[in-house]
Amino acid sequence: MPDISIISIIFTAAWALIVLFLILAPFFKLDTFIQIGSKDQDLVTTKQALLTTLNEIEFEYKMDKISHADYKNLKKQYETEVAKIMKEEDQLIVDTNIDKDLMAEVEKEIEEQMNFYVKKKGEGK
């Protein structure tokens, strides 16, 4: 029987580990170990899907495909989910280091512009 060298043992062990990994990998979610996407992208995607579903429910209700009671229940359910996601998005914005003074200044300018246009619209009548 020929002598088994250390290199062949290491090579065989490496191949066995690679094969074992390839066999077992589909049974585990890799994204639980590796964070591939960011949370805010997931929230945006989920929110878009929920809003699309809300539009579809509205369309089906207008086409008389679902009852009024089902429409109300589904609409309330999906609006609640969208509200939760929007709160999470707001929390992510707050958690990021946004300059609060700058944000307050921007909000003040927006409010001033809105008041200006409201006054301008009122004068035009």
N, C-alpha and C. Protein backbone atom coordinates (compact mmCIF):
# COMPACT_ATOMS: atom_id res chain seq x y z
N MET A 1 0.83 -1.16 0.00
CA MET A 1 0.00 0.00 0.00
C MET A 1 0.89 1.24 0.00
N PRO A 2 0.63 2.12 -0.95
CA PRO A 2 1.50 3.30 -1.04
C PRO A 2 1.31 4.22 0.17
N ASP A 3 2.36 4.94 0.44
CA ASP A 3 2.30 5.89 1.56
C ASP A 3 1.36 7.05 1.22
N ILE A 4 0.53 7.42 2.19
CA ILE A 4 -0.38 8.55 2.01
C ILE A 4 0.33 9.78 2.55
N SER A 5 0.46 10.76 1.68
CA SER A 5 1.18 11.96 2.11
C SER A 5 0.24 12.93 2.82
N ILE A 6 0.81 13.81 3.56
CA ILE A 6 0.06 14.83 4.30
C ILE A 6 -0.70 15.73 3.32
N ILE A 7 -0.11 16.03 2.21
CA ILE A 7 -0.75 16.91 1.22
C ILE A 7 -2.03 16.28 0.69
N SER A 8 -2.00 14.98 0.41
CA SER A 8 -3.20 14.33 -0.09
C SER A 8 -4.30 14.26 0.97
N ILE A 9 -3.92 14.13 2.24
CA ILE A 9 -4.91 14.13 3.33
C ILE A 9 -5.57 15.50 3.45
N ILE A 10 -4.77 16.55 3.39
CA ILE A 10 -5.30 17.92 3.47
C ILE A 10 -6.19 18.20 2.27
N PHE A 11 -5.75 17.81 1.09
CA PHE A 11 -6.52 18.02 -0.14
C PHE A 11 -7.86 17.28 -0.07
N THR A 12 -7.85 16.05 0.40
CA THR A 12 -9.08 15.26 0.53
C THR A 12 -10.01 15.87 1.56
N ALA A 13 -9.48 16.32 2.67
CA ALA A 13 -10.30 16.95 3.71
C ALA A 13 -10.93 18.25 3.19
N ALA A 14 -10.17 19.02 2.44
CA ALA A 14 -10.69 20.27 1.88
C ALA A 14 -11.84 19.97 0.92
N TRP A 15 -11.65 18.97 0.06
CA TRP A 15 -12.72 18.60 -0.88
C TRP A 15 -13.96 18.11 -0.12
N ALA A 16 -13.76 17.36 0.91
CA ALA A 16 -14.89 16.85 1.69
C ALA A 16 -15.65 18.01 2.34
N LEU A 17 -14.94 19.01 2.86
CA LEU A 17 -15.60 20.16 3.46
C LEU A 17 -16.36 20.99 2.42
N ILE A 18 -15.78 21.16 1.25
CA ILE A 18 -16.45 21.90 0.18
C ILE A 18 -17.73 21.19 -0.25
N VAL A 19 -17.65 19.89 -0.44
CA VAL A 19 -18.82 19.11 -0.84
C VAL A 19 -19.89 19.15 0.25
N LEU A 20 -19.49 19.02 1.49
CA LEU A 20 -20.42 19.09 2.61
C LEU A 20 -21.12 20.45 2.67
N PHE A 21 -20.35 21.51 2.46
CA PHE A 21 -20.93 22.85 2.45
C PHE A 21 -21.94 23.01 1.31
N LEU A 22 -21.59 22.55 0.13
CA LEU A 22 -22.50 22.67 -1.02
C LEU A 22 -23.77 21.85 -0.84
N ILE A 23 -23.68 20.76 -0.15
CA ILE A 23 -24.86 19.93 0.10
C ILE A 23 -25.76 20.58 1.17
N LEU A 24 -25.16 21.10 2.22
CA LEU A 24 -25.94 21.64 3.34
C LEU A 24 -26.36 23.10 3.18
N ALA A 25 -25.71 23.85 2.32
CA ALA A 25 -26.00 25.28 2.18
C ALA A 25 -27.46 25.59 1.83
N PRO A 26 -28.11 24.85 0.96
CA PRO A 26 -29.50 25.19 0.64
C PRO A 26 -30.46 25.03 1.82
N PHE A 27 -30.08 24.26 2.83
CA PHE A 27 -30.95 24.05 3.98
C PHE A 27 -30.90 25.21 4.97
N PHE A 28 -29.95 26.09 4.82
CA PHE A 28 -29.80 27.23 5.71
C PHE A 28 -29.90 28.51 4.91
N LYS A 29 -30.47 29.52 5.52
CA LYS A 29 -30.51 30.81 4.85
C LYS A 29 -29.18 31.50 5.08
N LEU A 30 -28.49 31.80 4.00
CA LEU A 30 -27.20 32.44 4.13
C LEU A 30 -27.34 33.89 4.58
N ASP A 31 -28.49 34.51 4.27
CA ASP A 31 -28.63 35.91 4.65
C ASP A 31 -28.78 36.09 6.15
N THR A 32 -29.03 35.01 6.89
CA THR A 32 -29.05 35.13 8.34
C THR A 32 -27.63 35.25 8.88
N PHE A 33 -26.67 34.70 8.15
CA PHE A 33 -25.28 34.79 8.57
C PHE A 33 -24.58 35.99 7.96
N ILE A 34 -24.97 36.33 6.75
CA ILE A 34 -24.36 37.45 6.04
C ILE A 34 -25.46 38.45 5.73
N GLN A 35 -25.30 39.67 6.17
CA GLN A 35 -26.31 40.69 5.93
C GLN A 35 -26.07 41.24 4.53
N ILE A 36 -26.85 40.75 3.56
CA ILE A 36 -26.65 41.14 2.17
C ILE A 36 -27.32 42.48 1.89
N GLY A 37 -28.60 42.59 2.21
CA GLY A 37 -29.34 43.81 1.95
C GLY A 37 -29.48 44.61 3.23
N SER A 38 -29.66 45.90 3.08
CA SER A 38 -29.84 46.72 4.26
C SER A 38 -31.31 46.74 4.66
N LYS A 39 -31.57 47.07 5.89
CA LYS A 39 -32.92 47.02 6.43
C LYS A 39 -33.83 48.04 5.75
N ASP A 40 -33.29 49.21 5.45
CA ASP A 40 -34.13 50.23 4.83
C ASP A 40 -34.56 49.83 3.42
N GLN A 41 -33.73 49.10 2.70
CA GLN A 41 -34.13 48.62 1.38
C GLN A 41 -35.24 47.59 1.50
N ASP A 42 -35.15 46.73 2.51
CA ASP A 42 -36.20 45.75 2.74
C ASP A 42 -37.51 46.43 3.09
N LEU A 43 -37.44 47.47 3.91
CA LEU A 43 -38.65 48.20 4.28
C LEU A 43 -39.29 48.87 3.08
N VAL A 44 -38.47 49.46 2.23
CA VAL A 44 -39.01 50.14 1.05
C VAL A 44 -39.68 49.13 0.12
N THR A 45 -39.05 47.99 -0.08
CA THR A 45 -39.61 46.96 -0.94
C THR A 45 -40.92 46.43 -0.37
N THR A 46 -40.95 46.18 0.92
CA THR A 46 -42.17 45.68 1.56
C THR A 46 -43.27 46.72 1.49
N LYS A 47 -42.92 47.97 1.73
CA LYS A 47 -43.93 49.04 1.69
C LYS A 47 -44.50 49.17 0.28
N GLN A 48 -43.66 49.10 -0.72
CA GLN A 48 -44.15 49.19 -2.10
C GLN A 48 -45.08 48.03 -2.42
N ALA A 49 -44.74 46.85 -1.96
CA ALA A 49 -45.60 45.69 -2.20
C ALA A 49 -46.95 45.85 -1.52
N LEU A 50 -46.94 46.35 -0.29
CA LEU A 50 -48.20 46.56 0.43
C LEU A 50 -49.05 47.63 -0.22
N LEU A 51 -48.42 48.70 -0.67
CA LEU A 51 -49.18 49.76 -1.34
C LEU A 51 -49.76 49.27 -2.67
N THR A 52 -49.01 48.44 -3.37
CA THR A 52 -49.52 47.85 -4.60
C THR A 52 -50.72 46.95 -4.30
N THR A 53 -50.62 46.19 -3.24
CA THR A 53 -51.73 45.32 -2.84
C THR A 53 -52.95 46.15 -2.47
N LEU A 54 -52.73 47.26 -1.77
CA LEU A 54 -53.85 48.15 -1.44
C LEU A 54 -54.53 48.67 -2.70
N ASN A 55 -53.74 49.04 -3.69
CA ASN A 55 -54.32 49.50 -4.95
C ASN A 55 -55.11 48.39 -5.64
N GLU A 56 -54.59 47.19 -5.59
CA GLU A 56 -55.30 46.06 -6.21
C GLU A 56 -56.61 45.77 -5.49
N ILE A 57 -56.59 45.87 -4.17
CA ILE A 57 -57.82 45.65 -3.39
C ILE A 57 -58.85 46.71 -3.76
N GLU A 58 -58.41 47.95 -3.86
CA GLU A 58 -59.30 49.05 -4.24
C GLU A 58 -59.91 48.79 -5.63
N PHE A 59 -59.06 48.36 -6.56
CA PHE A 59 -59.53 48.08 -7.92
C PHE A 59 -60.54 46.94 -7.92
N GLU A 60 -60.23 45.88 -7.19
CA GLU A 60 -61.15 44.74 -7.16
C GLU A 60 -62.48 45.10 -6.50
N TYR A 61 -62.42 45.97 -5.50
CA TYR A 61 -63.66 46.41 -4.85
C TYR A 61 -64.50 47.22 -5.83
N LYS A 62 -63.85 48.11 -6.57
CA LYS A 62 -64.58 48.93 -7.55
C LYS A 62 -65.15 48.09 -8.69
N MET A 63 -64.51 46.96 -8.95
CA MET A 63 -65.00 46.06 -10.00
C MET A 63 -66.01 45.05 -9.44
N ASP A 64 -66.39 45.21 -8.17
CA ASP A 64 -67.34 44.33 -7.49
C ASP A 64 -66.89 42.88 -7.44
N LYS A 65 -65.60 42.67 -7.28
CA LYS A 65 -65.06 41.32 -7.16
C LYS A 65 -64.97 40.88 -5.70
N ILE A 66 -64.94 41.85 -4.77
CA ILE A 66 -64.92 41.51 -3.35
C ILE A 66 -66.01 42.31 -2.64
N SER A 67 -66.48 41.77 -1.53
CA SER A 67 -67.56 42.42 -0.79
C SER A 67 -67.04 43.64 -0.04
N HIS A 68 -67.99 44.46 0.40
CA HIS A 68 -67.62 45.67 1.14
C HIS A 68 -66.96 45.32 2.47
N ALA A 69 -67.45 44.30 3.15
CA ALA A 69 -66.87 43.89 4.44
C ALA A 69 -65.44 43.38 4.25
N ASP A 70 -65.22 42.56 3.22
CA ASP A 70 -63.86 42.07 2.94
C ASP A 70 -62.93 43.22 2.57
N TYR A 71 -63.46 44.14 1.78
CA TYR A 71 -62.67 45.31 1.38
C TYR A 71 -62.23 46.10 2.60
N LYS A 72 -63.15 46.38 3.51
CA LYS A 72 -62.83 47.15 4.71
C LYS A 72 -61.79 46.42 5.57
N ASN A 73 -62.00 45.10 5.77
CA ASN A 73 -61.06 44.33 6.59
C ASN A 73 -59.66 44.29 5.98
N LEU A 74 -59.59 44.00 4.69
CA LEU A 74 -58.29 43.92 4.01
C LEU A 74 -57.60 45.28 3.99
N LYS A 75 -58.38 46.31 3.70
CA LYS A 75 -57.81 47.65 3.65
C LYS A 75 -57.24 48.05 5.00
N LYS A 76 -57.99 47.79 6.07
CA LYS A 76 -57.52 48.12 7.42
C LYS A 76 -56.25 47.34 7.76
N GLN A 77 -56.23 46.05 7.40
CA GLN A 77 -55.08 45.20 7.69
C GLN A 77 -53.82 45.72 6.99
N TYR A 78 -53.94 46.01 5.69
CA TYR A 78 -52.77 46.45 4.94
C TYR A 78 -52.35 47.86 5.33
N GLU A 79 -53.30 48.73 5.64
CA GLU A 79 -52.95 50.08 6.07
C GLU A 79 -52.20 50.03 7.41
N THR A 80 -52.58 49.12 8.28
CA THR A 80 -51.88 48.96 9.55
C THR A 80 -50.44 48.53 9.32
N GLU A 81 -50.25 47.59 8.40
CA GLU A 81 -48.89 47.13 8.08
C GLU A 81 -48.05 48.27 7.49
N VAL A 82 -48.66 49.05 6.60
CA VAL A 82 -47.93 50.17 6.00
C VAL A 82 -47.56 51.19 7.07
N ALA A 83 -48.48 51.44 8.01
CA ALA A 83 -48.20 52.39 9.09
C ALA A 83 -47.03 51.91 9.95
N LYS A 84 -46.99 50.61 10.23
CA LYS A 84 -45.87 50.06 11.01
C LYS A 84 -44.55 50.27 10.28
N ILE A 85 -44.56 50.01 8.99
CA ILE A 85 -43.34 50.16 8.20
C ILE A 85 -42.91 51.62 8.16
N MET A 86 -43.88 52.52 8.02
CA MET A 86 -43.54 53.94 7.99
C MET A 86 -42.94 54.39 9.33
N LYS A 87 -43.45 53.84 10.44
CA LYS A 87 -42.88 54.16 11.74
C LYS A 87 -41.45 53.64 11.84
N GLU A 88 -41.21 52.44 11.31
CA GLU A 88 -39.86 51.88 11.32
C GLU A 88 -38.92 52.74 10.47
N GLU A 89 -39.42 53.21 9.32
CA GLU A 89 -38.61 54.08 8.47
C GLU A 89 -38.27 55.38 9.20
N ASP A 90 -39.26 55.95 9.89
CA ASP A 90 -39.01 57.16 10.66
C ASP A 90 -37.97 56.91 11.74
N GLN A 91 -38.06 55.75 12.38
CA GLN A 91 -37.11 55.41 13.43
C GLN A 91 -35.70 55.26 12.84
N LEU A 92 -35.60 54.68 11.65
CA LEU A 92 -34.28 54.56 11.01
C LEU A 92 -33.71 55.93 10.69
N ILE A 93 -34.59 56.85 10.27
CA ILE A 93 -34.12 58.20 9.97
C ILE A 93 -33.63 58.87 11.24
N VAL A 94 -34.38 58.69 12.33
CA VAL A 94 -33.97 59.29 13.59
C VAL A 94 -32.68 58.67 14.09
N ASP A 95 -32.55 57.35 13.89
CA ASP A 95 -31.36 56.66 14.37
C ASP A 95 -30.10 57.09 13.63
N THR A 96 -30.24 57.42 12.36
CA THR A 96 -29.07 57.89 11.64
C THR A 96 -28.73 59.27 12.15
N ASN A 97 -27.50 59.62 12.05
CA ASN A 97 -27.03 60.88 12.63
C ASN A 97 -27.35 62.06 11.72
N ILE A 98 -28.61 62.45 11.71
CA ILE A 98 -29.03 63.61 10.94
C ILE A 98 -28.90 64.83 11.84
N ASP A 99 -28.41 65.88 11.28
CA ASP A 99 -28.29 67.12 12.04
C ASP A 99 -29.69 67.64 12.34
N LYS A 100 -30.09 67.59 13.59
CA LYS A 100 -31.44 67.97 13.98
C LYS A 100 -31.70 69.45 13.77
N ASP A 101 -30.69 70.29 13.95
CA ASP A 101 -30.87 71.72 13.72
C ASP A 101 -31.13 71.99 12.24
N LEU A 102 -30.38 71.32 11.39
CA LEU A 102 -30.57 71.48 9.96
C LEU A 102 -31.95 70.99 9.54
N MET A 103 -32.37 69.86 10.09
CA MET A 103 -33.69 69.32 9.78
C MET A 103 -34.79 70.28 10.22
N ALA A 104 -34.65 70.87 11.40
CA ALA A 104 -35.64 71.83 11.89
C ALA A 104 -35.68 73.07 10.99
N GLU A 105 -34.53 73.50 10.52
CA GLU A 105 -34.47 74.65 9.63
C GLU A 105 -35.15 74.34 8.29
N VAL A 106 -34.92 73.16 7.76
CA VAL A 106 -35.56 72.76 6.50
C VAL A 106 -37.07 72.68 6.66
N GLU A 107 -37.52 72.10 7.76
CA GLU A 107 -38.96 72.01 8.01
C GLU A 107 -39.58 73.39 8.16
N LYS A 108 -38.87 74.30 8.80
CA LYS A 108 -39.36 75.68 8.95
C LYS A 108 -39.50 76.35 7.59
N GLU A 109 -38.50 76.17 6.73
CA GLU A 109 -38.56 76.77 5.39
C GLU A 109 -39.72 76.19 4.58
N ILE A 110 -39.93 74.90 4.69
CA ILE A 110 -41.04 74.26 3.97
C ILE A 110 -42.37 74.82 4.47
N GLU A 111 -42.49 74.96 5.77
CA GLU A 111 -43.72 75.49 6.34
C GLU A 111 -43.96 76.93 5.88
N GLU A 112 -42.90 77.75 5.85
CA GLU A 112 -43.03 79.13 5.39
C GLU A 112 -43.48 79.17 3.93
N GLN A 113 -42.91 78.30 3.09
CA GLN A 113 -43.30 78.26 1.69
C GLN A 113 -44.76 77.83 1.53
N MET A 114 -45.17 76.85 2.32
CA MET A 114 -46.56 76.40 2.25
C MET A 114 -47.51 77.52 2.66
N ASN A 115 -47.17 78.23 3.73
CA ASN A 115 -48.00 79.36 4.18
C ASN A 115 -48.05 80.46 3.12
N PHE A 116 -46.92 80.71 2.47
CA PHE A 116 -46.86 81.72 1.41
C PHE A 116 -47.80 81.35 0.26
N TYR A 117 -47.76 80.09 -0.17
CA TYR A 117 -48.62 79.66 -1.28
C TYR A 117 -50.09 79.65 -0.89
N VAL A 118 -50.38 79.33 0.38
CA VAL A 118 -51.77 79.36 0.83
C VAL A 118 -52.29 80.79 0.82
N LYS A 119 -51.48 81.72 1.29
CA LYS A 119 -51.87 83.15 1.28
C LYS A 119 -52.03 83.65 -0.16
N LYS A 120 -51.09 83.24 -1.01
CA LYS A 120 -51.11 83.66 -2.41
C LYS A 120 -52.36 83.11 -3.09
N LYS A 121 -52.72 81.88 -2.80
CA LYS A 121 -53.90 81.26 -3.38
C LYS A 121 -55.16 81.96 -2.88
N GLY A 122 -55.17 82.35 -1.61
CA GLY A 122 -56.31 83.05 -1.03
C GLY A 122 -56.50 84.43 -1.64
N GLU A 123 -55.41 85.11 -1.98
CA GLU A 123 -55.50 86.44 -2.59
C GLU A 123 -55.97 86.38 -4.03
N GLY A 124 -55.73 85.27 -4.68
CA GLY A 124 -56.08 85.13 -6.10
C GLY A 124 -57.56 84.93 -6.35
N LYS A 125 -58.34 84.61 -5.35
CA LYS A 125 -59.77 84.34 -5.52
C LYS A 125 -60.57 85.57 -5.70
